Amino acid sequence: MKLKPEEYGKVIPPPPVVLVSTLHGDVKNIAPFGMNMPISSDPPLYAIGVRDSRDTYKNILETEEFVVAVPGPDLVRQINITAESFPREVSEFERAGLTPLRSEVVRPFGVKECQSNFECRLEWVKQAGDHYIMVGRVVAASINDKIYTEDLSRSVINAVYHVNANDYAGKGPLLAEG
């Protein structure tokens, strides 16, 4: 069956959801993003796709810093709250009941309830259709003590995937080759 090219997003696996925190003055903003991915390990670079109408876009351009936090399935209610449209002067951290975690290098805060946080400094921005690709250099990273293991592996992270509108899914068990 043929699809329209703009429908490609309906037939690929859902992307993981991350929370991106920024600052507007002293206001701690945070929003969920499904368009995100690591793009380099040397140097460590991470990309998010952001509409220029979003507070996150404006805040990153102004401060050149942001934090990417990786939520688990237990935070779906809070993810939905942070997705709501609030005035720029309103902290989604407070509205969602999330705890700001002081960063090591950048000014924006991480999220205490998340599994991991990584701090970024803006490297570059490029328009890509109706979004902008904002790439940050990872300058610090941390993992929640409850899930830390000596042998760090992505398998310990319990991701949340954005399926549709307000629908999310967790990951299933790893499948064995056979």
N, C-alpha and C. Protein backbone atom coordinates (compact mmCIF):
# COMPACT_ATOMS: atom_id res chain seq x y z
N MET A 1 0.84 -1.18 0.00
CA MET A 1 0.00 0.00 0.00
C MET A 1 0.88 1.24 0.00
N LYS A 2 0.57 2.17 -0.85
CA LYS A 2 1.31 3.42 -0.95
C LYS A 2 0.79 4.41 0.09
N LEU A 3 1.70 5.23 0.60
CA LEU A 3 1.36 6.31 1.52
C LEU A 3 1.85 7.62 0.94
N LYS A 4 1.25 8.70 1.40
CA LYS A 4 1.77 10.02 1.05
C LYS A 4 3.10 10.20 1.78
N PRO A 5 4.08 10.83 1.16
CA PRO A 5 5.37 11.01 1.84
C PRO A 5 5.25 11.65 3.22
N GLU A 6 4.31 12.60 3.39
CA GLU A 6 4.18 13.26 4.70
C GLU A 6 3.59 12.35 5.77
N GLU A 7 3.18 11.13 5.39
CA GLU A 7 2.64 10.17 6.36
C GLU A 7 3.70 9.20 6.87
N TYR A 8 4.96 9.41 6.48
CA TYR A 8 6.02 8.48 6.88
C TYR A 8 6.09 8.28 8.39
N GLY A 9 5.79 9.34 9.15
CA GLY A 9 5.86 9.27 10.61
C GLY A 9 4.89 8.27 11.22
N LYS A 10 3.89 7.87 10.46
CA LYS A 10 2.91 6.90 10.97
C LYS A 10 3.39 5.46 10.86
N VAL A 11 4.48 5.23 10.14
CA VAL A 11 4.93 3.86 9.91
C VAL A 11 6.37 3.60 10.37
N ILE A 12 6.87 4.46 11.24
CA ILE A 12 8.17 4.21 11.86
C ILE A 12 7.94 4.03 13.34
N PRO A 13 8.87 3.37 14.06
CA PRO A 13 8.68 3.21 15.50
C PRO A 13 8.58 4.59 16.17
N PRO A 14 7.78 4.67 17.22
CA PRO A 14 7.66 5.98 17.89
C PRO A 14 8.99 6.38 18.52
N PRO A 15 9.27 7.68 18.51
CA PRO A 15 10.52 8.15 19.11
C PRO A 15 10.40 8.21 20.63
N PRO A 16 11.54 8.11 21.33
CA PRO A 16 11.48 8.28 22.78
C PRO A 16 11.17 9.74 23.12
N VAL A 17 10.54 9.95 24.22
CA VAL A 17 10.22 11.29 24.69
C VAL A 17 11.29 11.73 25.68
N VAL A 18 11.79 12.94 25.50
CA VAL A 18 12.69 13.55 26.48
C VAL A 18 12.05 14.85 26.95
N LEU A 19 12.45 15.29 28.10
CA LEU A 19 12.03 16.59 28.62
C LEU A 19 13.21 17.54 28.46
N VAL A 20 12.96 18.70 27.86
CA VAL A 20 14.04 19.68 27.66
C VAL A 20 13.74 20.87 28.56
N SER A 21 14.70 21.17 29.44
CA SER A 21 14.51 22.31 30.34
C SER A 21 15.40 23.46 29.92
N THR A 22 14.84 24.65 30.08
CA THR A 22 15.52 25.90 29.72
C THR A 22 15.18 26.94 30.78
N LEU A 23 15.83 28.07 30.66
CA LEU A 23 15.53 29.19 31.56
C LEU A 23 15.05 30.39 30.76
N HIS A 24 14.06 31.08 31.33
CA HIS A 24 13.63 32.39 30.84
C HIS A 24 13.79 33.31 32.04
N GLY A 25 14.94 34.00 32.12
CA GLY A 25 15.27 34.74 33.34
C GLY A 25 15.46 33.73 34.46
N ASP A 26 14.66 33.84 35.52
CA ASP A 26 14.72 32.87 36.61
C ASP A 26 13.62 31.82 36.52
N VAL A 27 12.81 31.89 35.47
CA VAL A 27 11.69 30.94 35.31
C VAL A 27 12.22 29.64 34.71
N LYS A 28 11.92 28.54 35.40
CA LYS A 28 12.37 27.22 34.97
C LYS A 28 11.31 26.61 34.06
N ASN A 29 11.59 26.58 32.75
CA ASN A 29 10.67 26.00 31.78
C ASN A 29 11.08 24.58 31.42
N ILE A 30 10.09 23.77 31.07
CA ILE A 30 10.37 22.40 30.64
C ILE A 30 9.27 21.96 29.69
N ALA A 31 9.65 21.20 28.66
CA ALA A 31 8.68 20.74 27.67
C ALA A 31 9.12 19.38 27.11
N PRO A 32 8.15 18.55 26.72
CA PRO A 32 8.49 17.24 26.13
C PRO A 32 8.79 17.35 24.64
N PHE A 33 9.71 16.51 24.17
CA PHE A 33 10.07 16.48 22.76
C PHE A 33 10.22 15.05 22.28
N GLY A 34 9.56 14.75 21.16
CA GLY A 34 9.70 13.44 20.54
C GLY A 34 10.68 13.46 19.38
N MET A 35 10.99 14.64 18.86
CA MET A 35 11.98 14.76 17.79
C MET A 35 13.32 15.05 18.44
N ASN A 36 14.10 13.97 18.66
CA ASN A 36 15.38 14.13 19.35
C ASN A 36 16.26 12.92 19.07
N MET A 37 17.58 13.14 19.11
CA MET A 37 18.50 12.02 18.92
C MET A 37 19.95 12.44 19.14
N PRO A 38 20.78 11.47 19.54
CA PRO A 38 22.23 11.74 19.56
C PRO A 38 22.70 11.77 18.10
N ILE A 39 23.62 12.67 17.78
CA ILE A 39 24.11 12.73 16.40
C ILE A 39 25.62 12.58 16.29
N SER A 40 26.33 12.59 17.42
CA SER A 40 27.78 12.41 17.39
C SER A 40 28.24 12.01 18.78
N SER A 41 29.28 11.16 18.81
CA SER A 41 29.86 10.83 20.11
C SER A 41 31.20 11.53 20.32
N ASP A 42 31.82 12.01 19.25
CA ASP A 42 33.08 12.73 19.41
C ASP A 42 33.11 13.90 18.43
N PRO A 43 32.70 15.09 18.85
CA PRO A 43 32.26 15.44 20.21
C PRO A 43 30.84 14.94 20.48
N PRO A 44 30.46 14.84 21.76
CA PRO A 44 29.10 14.40 22.08
C PRO A 44 28.08 15.48 21.74
N LEU A 45 27.25 15.21 20.72
CA LEU A 45 26.25 16.18 20.27
C LEU A 45 24.87 15.54 20.31
N TYR A 46 23.88 16.34 20.70
CA TYR A 46 22.50 15.87 20.79
C TYR A 46 21.61 16.88 20.07
N ALA A 47 20.65 16.39 19.29
CA ALA A 47 19.77 17.26 18.50
C ALA A 47 18.33 17.13 18.94
N ILE A 48 17.63 18.27 18.92
CA ILE A 48 16.19 18.28 19.14
C ILE A 48 15.56 19.07 18.00
N GLY A 49 14.34 18.68 17.62
CA GLY A 49 13.59 19.41 16.62
C GLY A 49 12.56 20.28 17.31
N VAL A 50 12.61 21.59 17.10
CA VAL A 50 11.78 22.54 17.84
C VAL A 50 11.12 23.52 16.88
N ARG A 51 9.85 23.79 17.09
CA ARG A 51 9.18 24.85 16.33
C ARG A 51 9.61 26.20 16.90
N ASP A 52 9.75 27.20 16.03
CA ASP A 52 10.21 28.51 16.50
C ASP A 52 9.17 29.25 17.33
N SER A 53 7.96 28.73 17.40
CA SER A 53 6.93 29.34 18.24
C SER A 53 7.02 28.87 19.70
N ARG A 54 7.83 27.85 19.96
CA ARG A 54 7.93 27.30 21.31
C ARG A 54 8.84 28.14 22.20
N ASP A 55 8.48 28.21 23.48
CA ASP A 55 9.33 28.91 24.45
C ASP A 55 10.73 28.29 24.49
N THR A 56 10.80 26.97 24.35
CA THR A 56 12.09 26.28 24.37
C THR A 56 13.03 26.85 23.31
N TYR A 57 12.52 27.05 22.12
CA TYR A 57 13.33 27.60 21.02
C TYR A 57 13.87 28.98 21.41
N LYS A 58 12.98 29.85 21.86
CA LYS A 58 13.38 31.21 22.23
C LYS A 58 14.38 31.20 23.38
N ASN A 59 14.13 30.37 24.40
CA ASN A 59 15.00 30.31 25.56
C ASN A 59 16.40 29.80 25.20
N ILE A 60 16.47 28.78 24.35
CA ILE A 60 17.78 28.26 23.95
C ILE A 60 18.55 29.30 23.15
N LEU A 61 17.88 30.00 22.25
CA LEU A 61 18.58 31.04 21.49
C LEU A 61 19.12 32.13 22.42
N GLU A 62 18.35 32.47 23.45
CA GLU A 62 18.77 33.55 24.37
C GLU A 62 19.90 33.11 25.29
N THR A 63 19.83 31.88 25.83
CA THR A 63 20.80 31.45 26.84
C THR A 63 21.90 30.55 26.28
N GLU A 64 21.63 29.92 25.12
CA GLU A 64 22.54 28.97 24.50
C GLU A 64 22.82 27.75 25.38
N GLU A 65 21.86 27.40 26.25
CA GLU A 65 22.00 26.25 27.14
C GLU A 65 20.65 25.55 27.31
N PHE A 66 20.71 24.24 27.55
CA PHE A 66 19.52 23.47 27.87
C PHE A 66 19.93 22.15 28.51
N VAL A 67 18.96 21.50 29.14
CA VAL A 67 19.19 20.19 29.75
C VAL A 67 18.17 19.23 29.17
N VAL A 68 18.64 18.05 28.78
CA VAL A 68 17.76 16.99 28.30
C VAL A 68 17.63 15.98 29.42
N ALA A 69 16.37 15.70 29.83
CA ALA A 69 16.10 14.74 30.90
C ALA A 69 15.32 13.57 30.30
N VAL A 70 15.64 12.36 30.74
CA VAL A 70 15.01 11.15 30.21
C VAL A 70 14.02 10.61 31.25
N PRO A 71 12.70 10.82 31.00
CA PRO A 71 11.69 10.36 31.95
C PRO A 71 11.39 8.87 31.77
N GLY A 72 10.85 8.28 32.83
CA GLY A 72 10.37 6.90 32.76
C GLY A 72 8.85 6.91 32.64
N PRO A 73 8.25 5.73 32.43
CA PRO A 73 6.80 5.62 32.28
C PRO A 73 6.00 6.15 33.47
N ASP A 74 6.61 6.19 34.64
CA ASP A 74 5.92 6.71 35.82
C ASP A 74 5.66 8.21 35.75
N LEU A 75 6.23 8.89 34.75
CA LEU A 75 6.08 10.34 34.64
C LEU A 75 5.14 10.79 33.51
N VAL A 76 4.33 9.87 32.98
CA VAL A 76 3.46 10.22 31.85
C VAL A 76 2.51 11.36 32.20
N ARG A 77 1.94 11.36 33.40
CA ARG A 77 1.03 12.45 33.80
C ARG A 77 1.77 13.78 33.78
N GLN A 78 2.98 13.82 34.31
CA GLN A 78 3.77 15.05 34.33
C GLN A 78 4.19 15.47 32.92
N ILE A 79 4.50 14.50 32.06
CA ILE A 79 4.85 14.81 30.67
C ILE A 79 3.68 15.54 30.01
N ASN A 80 2.47 15.03 30.21
CA ASN A 80 1.29 15.67 29.63
C ASN A 80 1.09 17.09 30.14
N ILE A 81 1.35 17.31 31.41
CA ILE A 81 1.22 18.67 31.97
C ILE A 81 2.24 19.60 31.32
N THR A 82 3.48 19.14 31.17
CA THR A 82 4.51 20.01 30.57
C THR A 82 4.23 20.28 29.10
N ALA A 83 3.40 19.45 28.47
CA ALA A 83 3.05 19.66 27.06
C ALA A 83 2.00 20.75 26.88
N GLU A 84 1.33 21.13 27.97
CA GLU A 84 0.32 22.19 27.86
C GLU A 84 0.98 23.52 27.54
N SER A 85 0.20 24.42 26.97
CA SER A 85 0.72 25.73 26.60
C SER A 85 0.52 26.71 27.76
N PHE A 86 1.62 27.10 28.38
CA PHE A 86 1.60 28.07 29.47
C PHE A 86 2.32 29.33 29.01
N PRO A 87 2.00 30.48 29.60
CA PRO A 87 2.78 31.69 29.31
C PRO A 87 4.25 31.45 29.66
N ARG A 88 5.12 32.14 28.99
CA ARG A 88 6.57 31.96 29.17
C ARG A 88 7.02 32.22 30.61
N GLU A 89 6.26 33.02 31.33
CA GLU A 89 6.62 33.38 32.70
C GLU A 89 6.15 32.34 33.72
N VAL A 90 5.51 31.27 33.28
CA VAL A 90 5.01 30.22 34.17
C VAL A 90 5.95 29.02 34.10
N SER A 91 6.34 28.52 35.28
CA SER A 91 7.23 27.37 35.33
C SER A 91 6.45 26.07 35.22
N GLU A 92 6.74 25.31 34.16
CA GLU A 92 6.11 23.99 34.01
C GLU A 92 6.62 23.02 35.07
N PHE A 93 7.81 23.25 35.61
CA PHE A 93 8.30 22.43 36.72
C PHE A 93 7.29 22.46 37.85
N GLU A 94 6.87 23.69 38.24
CA GLU A 94 5.91 23.85 39.34
C GLU A 94 4.56 23.25 38.98
N ARG A 95 4.06 23.54 37.77
CA ARG A 95 2.75 23.04 37.36
C ARG A 95 2.70 21.51 37.35
N ALA A 96 3.80 20.88 36.94
CA ALA A 96 3.84 19.42 36.83
C ALA A 96 4.28 18.73 38.11
N GLY A 97 4.72 19.52 39.09
CA GLY A 97 5.19 18.93 40.35
C GLY A 97 6.53 18.22 40.20
N LEU A 98 7.37 18.71 39.30
CA LEU A 98 8.70 18.13 39.11
C LEU A 98 9.73 18.90 39.92
N THR A 99 10.77 18.21 40.36
CA THR A 99 11.79 18.80 41.22
C THR A 99 13.00 19.22 40.39
N PRO A 100 13.32 20.53 40.37
CA PRO A 100 14.51 20.99 39.65
C PRO A 100 15.77 20.43 40.32
N LEU A 101 16.69 19.95 39.51
CA LEU A 101 17.96 19.40 39.97
C LEU A 101 19.07 20.30 39.46
N ARG A 102 19.82 20.90 40.38
CA ARG A 102 20.87 21.85 39.98
C ARG A 102 21.87 21.16 39.04
N SER A 103 22.20 21.85 37.97
CA SER A 103 23.14 21.32 36.99
C SER A 103 24.57 21.56 37.43
N GLU A 104 25.46 20.79 36.84
CA GLU A 104 26.88 20.88 37.17
C GLU A 104 27.57 22.00 36.39
N VAL A 105 27.19 22.20 35.10
CA VAL A 105 27.90 23.13 34.23
C VAL A 105 27.01 24.27 33.72
N VAL A 106 25.79 23.95 33.30
CA VAL A 106 24.91 24.96 32.70
C VAL A 106 23.92 25.51 33.73
N ARG A 107 23.26 26.61 33.39
CA ARG A 107 22.29 27.22 34.31
C ARG A 107 20.94 26.52 34.37
N PRO A 108 20.36 26.04 33.23
CA PRO A 108 19.07 25.33 33.34
C PRO A 108 19.19 24.09 34.23
N PHE A 109 18.07 23.69 34.78
CA PHE A 109 18.04 22.59 35.74
C PHE A 109 17.69 21.27 35.09
N GLY A 110 18.18 20.19 35.68
CA GLY A 110 17.74 18.85 35.31
C GLY A 110 16.46 18.53 36.07
N VAL A 111 16.01 17.28 35.97
CA VAL A 111 14.78 16.84 36.63
C VAL A 111 15.12 15.68 37.55
N LYS A 112 14.93 15.90 38.85
CA LYS A 112 15.30 14.89 39.84
C LYS A 112 14.59 13.56 39.60
N GLU A 113 13.33 13.60 39.19
CA GLU A 113 12.54 12.39 39.01
C GLU A 113 12.92 11.58 37.77
N CYS A 114 13.73 12.16 36.88
CA CYS A 114 14.09 11.48 35.64
C CYS A 114 15.23 10.49 35.85
N GLN A 115 15.36 9.59 34.89
CA GLN A 115 16.38 8.53 34.97
C GLN A 115 17.78 9.06 34.70
N SER A 116 17.87 10.01 33.79
CA SER A 116 19.16 10.62 33.49
C SER A 116 18.93 12.04 33.00
N ASN A 117 19.98 12.83 33.10
CA ASN A 117 19.97 14.23 32.66
C ASN A 117 21.28 14.49 31.97
N PHE A 118 21.25 15.25 30.86
CA PHE A 118 22.51 15.69 30.30
C PHE A 118 22.40 17.14 29.89
N GLU A 119 23.45 17.84 30.25
CA GLU A 119 23.53 19.28 30.07
C GLU A 119 24.16 19.61 28.73
N CYS A 120 23.58 20.59 28.03
CA CYS A 120 24.05 20.93 26.68
C CYS A 120 24.29 22.42 26.53
N ARG A 121 25.29 22.73 25.72
CA ARG A 121 25.53 24.09 25.25
C ARG A 121 25.26 24.10 23.75
N LEU A 122 24.54 25.11 23.31
CA LEU A 122 24.14 25.19 21.91
C LEU A 122 25.36 25.25 20.98
N GLU A 123 25.39 24.36 20.00
CA GLU A 123 26.44 24.33 18.98
C GLU A 123 25.98 25.04 17.71
N TRP A 124 24.79 24.66 17.22
CA TRP A 124 24.27 25.27 16.01
C TRP A 124 22.77 25.04 15.88
N VAL A 125 22.16 25.85 14.99
CA VAL A 125 20.73 25.78 14.71
C VAL A 125 20.56 25.82 13.20
N LYS A 126 19.66 25.00 12.67
CA LYS A 126 19.39 25.02 11.23
C LYS A 126 17.90 24.77 11.02
N GLN A 127 17.29 25.56 10.16
CA GLN A 127 15.89 25.35 9.84
C GLN A 127 15.73 24.07 9.03
N ALA A 128 14.71 23.31 9.38
CA ALA A 128 14.41 22.05 8.69
C ALA A 128 12.90 21.96 8.54
N GLY A 129 12.37 22.50 7.47
CA GLY A 129 10.91 22.50 7.27
C GLY A 129 10.23 23.35 8.32
N ASP A 130 9.23 22.77 8.98
CA ASP A 130 8.46 23.52 9.99
C ASP A 130 9.10 23.49 11.38
N HIS A 131 10.30 22.93 11.49
CA HIS A 131 11.03 22.87 12.76
C HIS A 131 12.44 23.42 12.55
N TYR A 132 13.12 23.63 13.66
CA TYR A 132 14.54 23.97 13.65
C TYR A 132 15.26 22.85 14.36
N ILE A 133 16.39 22.44 13.80
CA ILE A 133 17.24 21.47 14.48
C ILE A 133 18.17 22.28 15.37
N MET A 134 18.10 22.01 16.66
CA MET A 134 18.96 22.69 17.63
C MET A 134 19.90 21.63 18.18
N VAL A 135 21.19 21.83 17.94
CA VAL A 135 22.18 20.84 18.35
C VAL A 135 22.99 21.38 19.52
N GLY A 136 23.06 20.59 20.56
CA GLY A 136 23.83 20.97 21.73
C GLY A 136 24.99 20.02 21.97
N ARG A 137 26.09 20.58 22.45
CA ARG A 137 27.23 19.76 22.87
C ARG A 137 26.97 19.34 24.31
N VAL A 138 27.04 18.06 24.57
CA VAL A 138 26.84 17.55 25.93
C VAL A 138 28.08 17.88 26.74
N VAL A 139 27.89 18.65 27.83
CA VAL A 139 29.01 19.09 28.64
C VAL A 139 29.03 18.43 30.02
N ALA A 140 27.94 17.76 30.38
CA ALA A 140 27.87 17.01 31.64
C ALA A 140 26.69 16.05 31.55
N ALA A 141 26.78 14.93 32.25
CA ALA A 141 25.70 13.94 32.24
C ALA A 141 25.63 13.25 33.59
N SER A 142 24.42 12.83 33.96
CA SER A 142 24.25 12.11 35.23
C SER A 142 23.14 11.08 35.07
N ILE A 143 23.16 10.08 35.94
CA ILE A 143 22.15 9.03 35.95
C ILE A 143 21.64 8.90 37.38
N ASN A 144 20.36 8.60 37.51
CA ASN A 144 19.74 8.42 38.82
C ASN A 144 20.45 7.27 39.55
N ASP A 145 20.79 7.51 40.81
CA ASP A 145 21.50 6.50 41.61
C ASP A 145 20.75 5.17 41.67
N LYS A 146 19.42 5.22 41.61
CA LYS A 146 18.62 3.99 41.73
C LYS A 146 18.81 3.05 40.54
N ILE A 147 19.21 3.56 39.39
CA ILE A 147 19.37 2.69 38.22
C ILE A 147 20.82 2.57 37.76
N TYR A 148 21.74 3.24 38.45
CA TYR A 148 23.14 3.17 38.06
C TYR A 148 23.67 1.75 38.25
N THR A 149 24.45 1.28 37.27
CA THR A 149 25.17 0.02 37.39
C THR A 149 26.60 0.27 36.95
N GLU A 150 27.52 -0.58 37.40
CA GLU A 150 28.93 -0.44 37.00
C GLU A 150 29.08 -0.50 35.49
N ASP A 151 28.32 -1.39 34.85
CA ASP A 151 28.38 -1.55 33.41
C ASP A 151 27.21 -0.79 32.80
N LEU A 152 27.42 0.51 32.54
CA LEU A 152 26.34 1.33 32.01
C LEU A 152 25.86 0.79 30.68
N SER A 153 24.54 0.74 30.52
CA SER A 153 23.94 0.22 29.31
C SER A 153 22.62 0.91 29.08
N ARG A 154 22.26 1.13 27.83
CA ARG A 154 20.96 1.72 27.52
C ARG A 154 19.83 0.82 27.97
N SER A 155 20.09 -0.45 28.19
CA SER A 155 19.03 -1.37 28.58
C SER A 155 18.47 -1.07 29.97
N VAL A 156 19.18 -0.29 30.78
CA VAL A 156 18.65 0.04 32.11
C VAL A 156 17.66 1.21 32.05
N ILE A 157 17.64 1.94 30.95
CA ILE A 157 16.73 3.07 30.81
C ILE A 157 15.37 2.58 30.32
N ASN A 158 14.33 2.94 31.05
CA ASN A 158 12.98 2.55 30.70
C ASN A 158 12.33 3.73 29.99
N ALA A 159 12.42 3.74 28.68
CA ALA A 159 11.98 4.88 27.88
C ALA A 159 10.47 5.00 27.79
N VAL A 160 10.04 6.22 27.50
CA VAL A 160 8.64 6.52 27.19
C VAL A 160 8.62 6.89 25.71
N TYR A 161 7.70 6.29 24.96
CA TYR A 161 7.60 6.56 23.53
C TYR A 161 6.31 7.31 23.23
N HIS A 162 6.42 8.31 22.37
CA HIS A 162 5.26 9.11 21.97
C HIS A 162 4.60 8.42 20.79
N VAL A 163 3.37 7.92 21.00
CA VAL A 163 2.67 7.18 19.96
C VAL A 163 1.74 8.09 19.18
N ASN A 164 0.80 8.75 19.85
CA ASN A 164 -0.15 9.69 19.23
C ASN A 164 -0.58 10.70 20.29
N ALA A 165 -0.83 11.91 19.88
CA ALA A 165 -1.36 12.97 20.76
C ALA A 165 -0.93 12.75 22.20
N ASN A 166 -1.84 12.29 23.07
CA ASN A 166 -1.51 12.05 24.48
C ASN A 166 -1.31 10.58 24.79
N ASP A 167 -0.95 9.78 23.78
CA ASP A 167 -0.73 8.35 23.98
C ASP A 167 0.76 8.06 24.06
N TYR A 168 1.14 7.29 25.08
CA TYR A 168 2.53 6.93 25.29
C TYR A 168 2.63 5.43 25.50
N ALA A 169 3.81 4.89 25.28
CA ALA A 169 4.05 3.47 25.51
C ALA A 169 5.41 3.30 26.13
N GLY A 170 5.60 2.23 26.89
CA GLY A 170 6.90 1.88 27.44
C GLY A 170 7.53 0.83 26.55
N LYS A 171 8.75 0.44 26.89
CA LYS A 171 9.40 -0.58 26.08
C LYS A 171 9.01 -1.97 26.58
N GLY A 172 9.10 -2.91 25.69
CA GLY A 172 8.83 -4.30 26.04
C GLY A 172 10.14 -5.02 26.34
N PRO A 173 10.04 -6.31 26.55
CA PRO A 173 11.27 -7.07 26.82
C PRO A 173 12.14 -7.13 25.57
N LEU A 174 13.44 -7.30 25.77
CA LEU A 174 14.34 -7.45 24.64
C LEU A 174 14.03 -8.74 23.94
N LEU A 175 14.08 -8.73 22.63
CA LEU A 175 13.79 -9.93 21.84
C LEU A 175 15.10 -10.64 21.51
N ALA A 176 15.11 -11.94 21.67
CA ALA A 176 16.30 -12.73 21.35
C ALA A 176 16.30 -13.03 19.86
N GLU A 177 17.51 -13.08 19.29
CA GLU A 177 17.61 -13.47 17.88
C GLU A 177 17.32 -14.95 17.79
N GLY A 178 16.71 -15.35 16.70
CA GLY A 178 16.48 -16.77 16.66
C GLY A 178 15.95 -17.19 15.39
